[in-house]
């Protein structure tokens, strides 16, 4: 059982910046990939950015050059710095983590989602 708690988000004018953070806790043995997804009203949930434990990153084309994903492996936390925000970035942003849990059972893979945080960009 791994819980993800997100913070950040809110309302910002176009061209502004916001930062999101997501901390994982629980019976964590290791976290391979952490990422951010977003879901606009009436649309599917799509990948925004992801980062592996080794620091390899992936970005959606729509956010390249504007958003930066980073992580602190010691804190099991992932960050998303969003600059030059546009109204089309408005969505609920969800944190995701995949890795292994550890317990009396040994290790098992997990995949967890955060509760989501609203980002609204006004024009």
N, C-alpha and C. Protein backbone atom coordinates (compact mmCIF):
# COMPACT_ATOMS: atom_id res chain seq x y z
N UNK A 1 0.84 -1.17 0.00
CA UNK A 1 0.00 0.00 0.00
C UNK A 1 0.88 1.24 0.00
N UNK A 2 0.75 1.96 -1.07
CA UNK A 2 1.52 3.19 -1.23
C UNK A 2 0.55 4.34 -1.46
N UNK A 3 0.73 5.40 -0.68
CA UNK A 3 -0.13 6.57 -0.80
C UNK A 3 0.66 7.71 -1.43
N UNK A 4 -0.02 8.46 -2.28
CA UNK A 4 0.58 9.64 -2.92
C UNK A 4 -0.22 10.86 -2.49
N UNK A 5 0.49 11.85 -1.98
CA UNK A 5 -0.17 13.09 -1.54
C UNK A 5 0.40 14.23 -2.37
N UNK A 6 -0.49 14.90 -3.09
CA UNK A 6 -0.11 16.00 -3.96
C UNK A 6 -0.33 17.34 -3.26
N UNK A 7 0.45 18.31 -3.67
CA UNK A 7 0.25 19.68 -3.21
C UNK A 7 0.63 20.63 -4.34
N UNK A 8 0.15 21.84 -4.22
CA UNK A 8 0.37 22.84 -5.26
C UNK A 8 -0.88 22.98 -6.10
N UNK A 9 -0.73 23.57 -7.25
CA UNK A 9 -1.87 23.81 -8.10
C UNK A 9 -2.57 25.10 -7.71
N UNK A 10 -3.67 25.36 -8.37
CA UNK A 10 -4.43 26.57 -8.09
C UNK A 10 -4.77 27.32 -9.35
N UNK A 11 -5.00 28.61 -9.18
CA UNK A 11 -5.41 29.48 -10.29
C UNK A 11 -4.27 30.44 -10.63
N UNK A 12 -3.98 30.57 -11.93
CA UNK A 12 -2.91 31.45 -12.37
C UNK A 12 -3.29 32.05 -13.72
N UNK A 13 -2.77 33.21 -14.01
CA UNK A 13 -3.02 33.83 -15.30
C UNK A 13 -2.11 33.21 -16.36
N UNK A 14 -2.55 33.29 -17.59
CA UNK A 14 -1.73 32.80 -18.69
C UNK A 14 -0.37 33.47 -18.67
N UNK A 15 0.66 32.66 -18.91
CA UNK A 15 2.02 33.16 -18.86
C UNK A 15 2.68 33.00 -17.50
N UNK A 16 1.89 32.66 -16.50
CA UNK A 16 2.40 32.50 -15.16
C UNK A 16 3.00 31.13 -14.90
N UNK A 17 3.37 30.90 -13.65
CA UNK A 17 4.02 29.65 -13.26
C UNK A 17 3.35 29.05 -12.02
N UNK A 18 3.42 27.74 -11.96
CA UNK A 18 2.95 27.00 -10.79
C UNK A 18 3.87 25.81 -10.57
N UNK A 19 3.94 25.35 -9.32
CA UNK A 19 4.69 24.16 -9.02
C UNK A 19 3.82 23.14 -8.31
N UNK A 20 4.00 21.89 -8.67
CA UNK A 20 3.30 20.79 -8.02
C UNK A 20 4.32 19.87 -7.35
N UNK A 21 3.92 19.25 -6.27
CA UNK A 21 4.76 18.24 -5.65
C UNK A 21 3.90 17.06 -5.24
N UNK A 22 4.54 15.91 -5.14
CA UNK A 22 3.83 14.67 -4.80
C UNK A 22 4.76 13.79 -3.99
N UNK A 23 4.34 13.46 -2.78
CA UNK A 23 5.16 12.64 -1.89
C UNK A 23 4.52 11.26 -1.74
N UNK A 24 5.34 10.24 -1.88
CA UNK A 24 4.88 8.87 -1.72
C UNK A 24 5.26 8.34 -0.35
N UNK A 25 4.36 7.58 0.25
CA UNK A 25 4.65 6.99 1.55
C UNK A 25 4.00 5.61 1.63
N UNK A 26 4.47 4.82 2.59
CA UNK A 26 3.94 3.47 2.75
C UNK A 26 5.05 2.44 2.74
N UNK A 27 4.67 1.21 2.41
CA UNK A 27 5.63 0.11 2.41
C UNK A 27 6.43 0.07 1.11
N UNK A 28 7.24 1.10 0.93
CA UNK A 28 7.98 1.26 -0.32
C UNK A 28 9.32 0.59 -0.25
N UNK A 29 9.58 -0.28 -1.22
CA UNK A 29 10.90 -0.85 -1.37
C UNK A 29 11.70 -0.03 -2.39
N UNK A 30 11.07 0.28 -3.48
CA UNK A 30 11.71 1.11 -4.49
C UNK A 30 10.63 1.70 -5.39
N UNK A 31 10.94 2.85 -5.96
CA UNK A 31 10.05 3.49 -6.93
C UNK A 31 10.82 3.64 -8.22
N UNK A 32 10.31 3.05 -9.27
CA UNK A 32 10.97 3.14 -10.56
C UNK A 32 10.59 4.44 -11.25
N UNK A 33 9.35 4.55 -11.63
CA UNK A 33 8.91 5.73 -12.39
C UNK A 33 7.89 6.53 -11.59
N UNK A 34 8.06 7.83 -11.60
CA UNK A 34 7.07 8.75 -11.05
C UNK A 34 6.68 9.70 -12.18
N UNK A 35 5.43 10.10 -12.17
CA UNK A 35 5.00 10.95 -13.26
C UNK A 35 3.78 11.77 -12.93
N UNK A 36 3.48 12.65 -13.85
CA UNK A 36 2.31 13.51 -13.75
C UNK A 36 1.44 13.29 -15.00
N UNK A 37 0.16 13.14 -14.74
CA UNK A 37 -0.83 13.05 -15.79
C UNK A 37 -1.83 14.17 -15.59
N UNK A 38 -2.59 14.47 -16.61
CA UNK A 38 -3.64 15.47 -16.46
C UNK A 38 -4.88 15.05 -17.23
N UNK A 39 -6.00 15.52 -16.71
CA UNK A 39 -7.28 15.21 -17.32
C UNK A 39 -8.13 16.46 -17.35
N UNK A 40 -8.34 16.96 -18.55
CA UNK A 40 -9.22 18.12 -18.72
C UNK A 40 -10.66 17.63 -18.75
N UNK A 41 -11.56 18.54 -18.48
CA UNK A 41 -12.98 18.19 -18.41
C UNK A 41 -13.44 17.54 -19.72
N UNK A 42 -14.01 16.36 -19.62
CA UNK A 42 -14.54 15.67 -20.78
C UNK A 42 -13.51 14.98 -21.65
N UNK A 43 -12.27 14.95 -21.17
CA UNK A 43 -11.20 14.33 -21.97
C UNK A 43 -10.54 13.20 -21.19
N UNK A 44 -9.71 12.44 -21.88
CA UNK A 44 -9.04 11.34 -21.22
C UNK A 44 -7.83 11.84 -20.45
N UNK A 45 -7.34 10.98 -19.56
CA UNK A 45 -6.15 11.31 -18.78
C UNK A 45 -4.92 11.02 -19.62
N UNK A 46 -4.06 12.02 -19.72
CA UNK A 46 -2.87 11.89 -20.56
C UNK A 46 -1.60 12.16 -19.77
N UNK A 47 -0.51 11.54 -20.21
CA UNK A 47 0.79 11.77 -19.60
C UNK A 47 1.26 13.19 -19.87
N UNK A 48 1.74 13.84 -18.81
CA UNK A 48 2.36 15.16 -18.94
C UNK A 48 3.88 14.99 -18.95
N UNK A 49 4.39 14.31 -17.94
CA UNK A 49 5.83 14.09 -17.82
C UNK A 49 6.08 12.94 -16.86
N UNK A 50 7.19 12.25 -17.07
CA UNK A 50 7.57 11.18 -16.17
C UNK A 50 9.09 11.18 -15.98
N UNK A 51 9.52 10.54 -14.90
CA UNK A 51 10.94 10.50 -14.60
C UNK A 51 11.25 9.18 -13.90
N UNK A 52 12.34 8.55 -14.30
CA UNK A 52 12.74 7.30 -13.68
C UNK A 52 13.67 7.58 -12.49
N UNK A 53 13.95 6.54 -11.74
CA UNK A 53 14.83 6.68 -10.59
C UNK A 53 16.24 7.11 -11.03
N UNK A 54 16.58 6.82 -12.25
CA UNK A 54 17.88 7.21 -12.77
C UNK A 54 17.91 8.60 -13.37
N UNK A 55 16.74 9.24 -13.41
CA UNK A 55 16.68 10.60 -13.90
C UNK A 55 16.28 10.78 -15.35
N UNK A 56 15.95 9.69 -16.03
CA UNK A 56 15.49 9.81 -17.42
C UNK A 56 14.10 10.39 -17.44
N UNK A 57 13.89 11.36 -18.31
CA UNK A 57 12.61 12.07 -18.35
C UNK A 57 11.92 11.90 -19.69
N UNK A 58 10.61 12.08 -19.65
CA UNK A 58 9.77 12.04 -20.83
C UNK A 58 8.73 13.12 -20.68
N UNK A 59 8.45 13.84 -21.77
CA UNK A 59 7.48 14.92 -21.74
C UNK A 59 6.50 14.79 -22.90
N UNK A 60 5.29 15.23 -22.64
CA UNK A 60 4.34 15.39 -23.73
C UNK A 60 4.82 16.53 -24.62
N UNK A 61 4.58 16.42 -25.90
CA UNK A 61 5.05 17.45 -26.83
C UNK A 61 4.50 18.82 -26.45
N UNK A 62 3.29 18.86 -25.95
CA UNK A 62 2.62 20.13 -25.66
C UNK A 62 3.26 20.89 -24.50
N UNK A 63 4.08 20.22 -23.70
CA UNK A 63 4.67 20.90 -22.53
C UNK A 63 6.19 21.01 -22.62
N UNK A 64 6.78 20.44 -23.63
CA UNK A 64 8.24 20.50 -23.77
C UNK A 64 8.72 21.94 -23.81
N UNK A 65 9.76 22.22 -23.03
CA UNK A 65 10.31 23.56 -22.98
C UNK A 65 9.62 24.47 -21.98
N UNK A 66 8.47 24.04 -21.46
CA UNK A 66 7.74 24.87 -20.50
C UNK A 66 7.67 24.22 -19.12
N UNK A 67 7.55 22.89 -19.10
CA UNK A 67 7.43 22.16 -17.83
C UNK A 67 8.72 21.40 -17.55
N UNK A 68 9.04 21.28 -16.27
CA UNK A 68 10.21 20.51 -15.86
C UNK A 68 9.84 19.58 -14.73
N UNK A 69 10.14 18.30 -14.92
CA UNK A 69 9.88 17.31 -13.88
C UNK A 69 11.20 16.97 -13.19
N UNK A 70 11.13 16.79 -11.88
CA UNK A 70 12.31 16.40 -11.11
C UNK A 70 11.85 15.54 -9.94
N UNK A 71 12.80 14.88 -9.29
CA UNK A 71 12.43 14.05 -8.15
C UNK A 71 13.56 14.01 -7.14
N UNK A 72 13.15 13.75 -5.91
CA UNK A 72 14.09 13.55 -4.82
C UNK A 72 13.91 12.11 -4.36
N UNK A 73 14.80 11.24 -4.76
CA UNK A 73 14.65 9.82 -4.46
C UNK A 73 14.67 9.55 -2.96
N UNK A 74 15.47 10.31 -2.22
CA UNK A 74 15.55 10.11 -0.77
C UNK A 74 14.22 10.42 -0.09
N UNK A 75 13.47 11.34 -0.67
CA UNK A 75 12.19 11.74 -0.09
C UNK A 75 11.00 11.11 -0.80
N UNK A 76 11.27 10.29 -1.81
CA UNK A 76 10.17 9.68 -2.59
C UNK A 76 9.19 10.74 -3.08
N UNK A 77 9.73 11.82 -3.56
CA UNK A 77 8.91 12.96 -3.96
C UNK A 77 9.24 13.37 -5.40
N UNK A 78 8.19 13.70 -6.13
CA UNK A 78 8.34 14.18 -7.49
C UNK A 78 7.76 15.58 -7.60
N UNK A 79 8.37 16.39 -8.44
CA UNK A 79 7.96 17.78 -8.61
C UNK A 79 7.65 18.06 -10.08
N UNK A 80 6.80 19.02 -10.30
CA UNK A 80 6.54 19.50 -11.65
C UNK A 80 6.50 21.01 -11.62
N UNK A 81 7.47 21.63 -12.25
CA UNK A 81 7.50 23.08 -12.38
C UNK A 81 6.90 23.44 -13.72
N UNK A 82 5.86 24.25 -13.68
CA UNK A 82 5.13 24.61 -14.89
C UNK A 82 5.29 26.10 -15.14
N UNK A 83 5.92 26.44 -16.25
CA UNK A 83 6.12 27.84 -16.63
C UNK A 83 5.37 28.15 -17.92
N UNK A 84 5.22 29.42 -18.19
CA UNK A 84 4.54 29.87 -19.42
C UNK A 84 3.22 29.14 -19.61
N UNK A 85 2.44 29.09 -18.57
CA UNK A 85 1.19 28.34 -18.60
C UNK A 85 0.20 28.94 -19.59
N UNK A 86 -0.57 28.05 -20.20
CA UNK A 86 -1.58 28.44 -21.18
C UNK A 86 -2.94 27.96 -20.70
N UNK A 87 -4.01 28.60 -21.18
CA UNK A 87 -5.35 28.14 -20.78
C UNK A 87 -5.58 26.66 -21.08
N UNK A 88 -4.98 26.15 -22.14
CA UNK A 88 -5.15 24.73 -22.47
C UNK A 88 -4.44 23.79 -21.50
N UNK A 89 -3.66 24.33 -20.58
CA UNK A 89 -3.05 23.51 -19.53
C UNK A 89 -4.02 23.26 -18.38
N UNK A 90 -5.16 23.91 -18.41
CA UNK A 90 -6.16 23.74 -17.36
C UNK A 90 -6.64 22.30 -17.31
N UNK A 91 -6.53 21.69 -16.14
CA UNK A 91 -6.90 20.29 -15.96
C UNK A 91 -6.71 19.91 -14.50
N UNK A 92 -7.17 18.71 -14.17
CA UNK A 92 -6.80 18.10 -12.90
C UNK A 92 -5.52 17.31 -13.14
N UNK A 93 -4.53 17.58 -12.34
CA UNK A 93 -3.23 16.93 -12.48
C UNK A 93 -3.11 15.81 -11.44
N UNK A 94 -2.73 14.64 -11.92
CA UNK A 94 -2.60 13.47 -11.06
C UNK A 94 -1.16 12.98 -11.02
N UNK A 95 -0.71 12.64 -9.84
CA UNK A 95 0.60 12.05 -9.66
C UNK A 95 0.48 10.52 -9.78
N UNK A 96 1.48 9.91 -10.31
CA UNK A 96 1.51 8.46 -10.45
C UNK A 96 2.89 7.93 -10.07
N UNK A 97 2.91 6.77 -9.44
CA UNK A 97 4.17 6.13 -9.09
C UNK A 97 4.06 4.63 -9.30
N UNK A 98 5.14 4.04 -9.77
CA UNK A 98 5.21 2.59 -9.98
C UNK A 98 6.53 2.08 -9.42
N UNK A 99 6.45 0.94 -8.72
CA UNK A 99 7.66 0.38 -8.15
C UNK A 99 7.39 -0.91 -7.43
N UNK A 100 8.07 -1.11 -6.31
CA UNK A 100 7.91 -2.33 -5.52
C UNK A 100 7.62 -1.98 -4.06
N UNK A 101 6.67 -2.70 -3.47
CA UNK A 101 6.44 -2.60 -2.05
C UNK A 101 7.18 -3.73 -1.36
N UNK A 102 7.38 -3.57 -0.07
CA UNK A 102 8.08 -4.59 0.70
C UNK A 102 7.34 -4.86 2.00
N UNK A 103 7.18 -6.14 2.33
CA UNK A 103 6.52 -6.51 3.57
C UNK A 103 6.85 -7.95 3.91
N UNK A 104 6.01 -8.54 4.74
CA UNK A 104 6.24 -9.92 5.13
C UNK A 104 6.15 -10.84 3.92
N UNK A 105 5.46 -10.33 2.88
CA UNK A 105 5.28 -11.12 1.66
C UNK A 105 6.50 -11.07 0.75
N UNK A 106 7.47 -10.27 1.12
CA UNK A 106 8.60 -10.05 0.24
C UNK A 106 8.41 -8.74 -0.49
N UNK A 107 8.55 -8.76 -1.80
CA UNK A 107 8.32 -7.55 -2.59
C UNK A 107 7.23 -7.82 -3.62
N UNK A 108 6.45 -6.79 -3.90
CA UNK A 108 5.39 -6.87 -4.91
C UNK A 108 5.37 -5.57 -5.68
N UNK A 109 5.03 -5.64 -6.96
CA UNK A 109 4.91 -4.39 -7.73
C UNK A 109 3.68 -3.60 -7.31
N UNK A 110 3.76 -2.31 -7.43
CA UNK A 110 2.61 -1.45 -7.16
C UNK A 110 2.52 -0.36 -8.21
N UNK A 111 1.34 0.16 -8.31
CA UNK A 111 1.08 1.34 -9.13
C UNK A 111 0.04 2.16 -8.38
N UNK A 112 0.34 3.40 -8.08
CA UNK A 112 -0.56 4.23 -7.27
C UNK A 112 -0.80 5.57 -7.92
N UNK A 113 -1.96 6.14 -7.61
CA UNK A 113 -2.35 7.47 -8.09
C UNK A 113 -2.61 8.39 -6.91
N UNK A 114 -2.32 9.66 -7.10
CA UNK A 114 -2.70 10.67 -6.14
C UNK A 114 -4.16 11.04 -6.33
N UNK A 115 -4.64 11.92 -5.47
CA UNK A 115 -6.06 12.28 -5.49
C UNK A 115 -6.38 13.32 -6.56
N UNK A 116 -5.35 13.94 -7.10
CA UNK A 116 -5.54 14.96 -8.13
C UNK A 116 -5.58 16.36 -7.54
N UNK A 117 -5.04 17.28 -8.30
CA UNK A 117 -5.06 18.69 -7.89
C UNK A 117 -5.41 19.55 -9.09
N UNK A 118 -6.27 20.52 -8.89
CA UNK A 118 -6.78 21.34 -9.99
C UNK A 118 -5.77 22.43 -10.35
N UNK A 119 -5.50 22.56 -11.62
CA UNK A 119 -4.73 23.68 -12.16
C UNK A 119 -5.62 24.41 -13.15
N UNK A 120 -5.83 25.69 -12.90
CA UNK A 120 -6.67 26.50 -13.78
C UNK A 120 -5.86 27.69 -14.27
N UNK A 121 -5.80 27.85 -15.58
CA UNK A 121 -5.06 28.95 -16.20
C UNK A 121 -6.06 29.85 -16.89
N UNK A 122 -6.14 31.09 -16.43
CA UNK A 122 -7.09 32.04 -17.01
C UNK A 122 -6.42 32.82 -18.14
N UNK A 123 -7.23 33.18 -19.11
CA UNK A 123 -6.69 33.91 -20.27
C UNK A 123 -6.73 35.41 -20.06
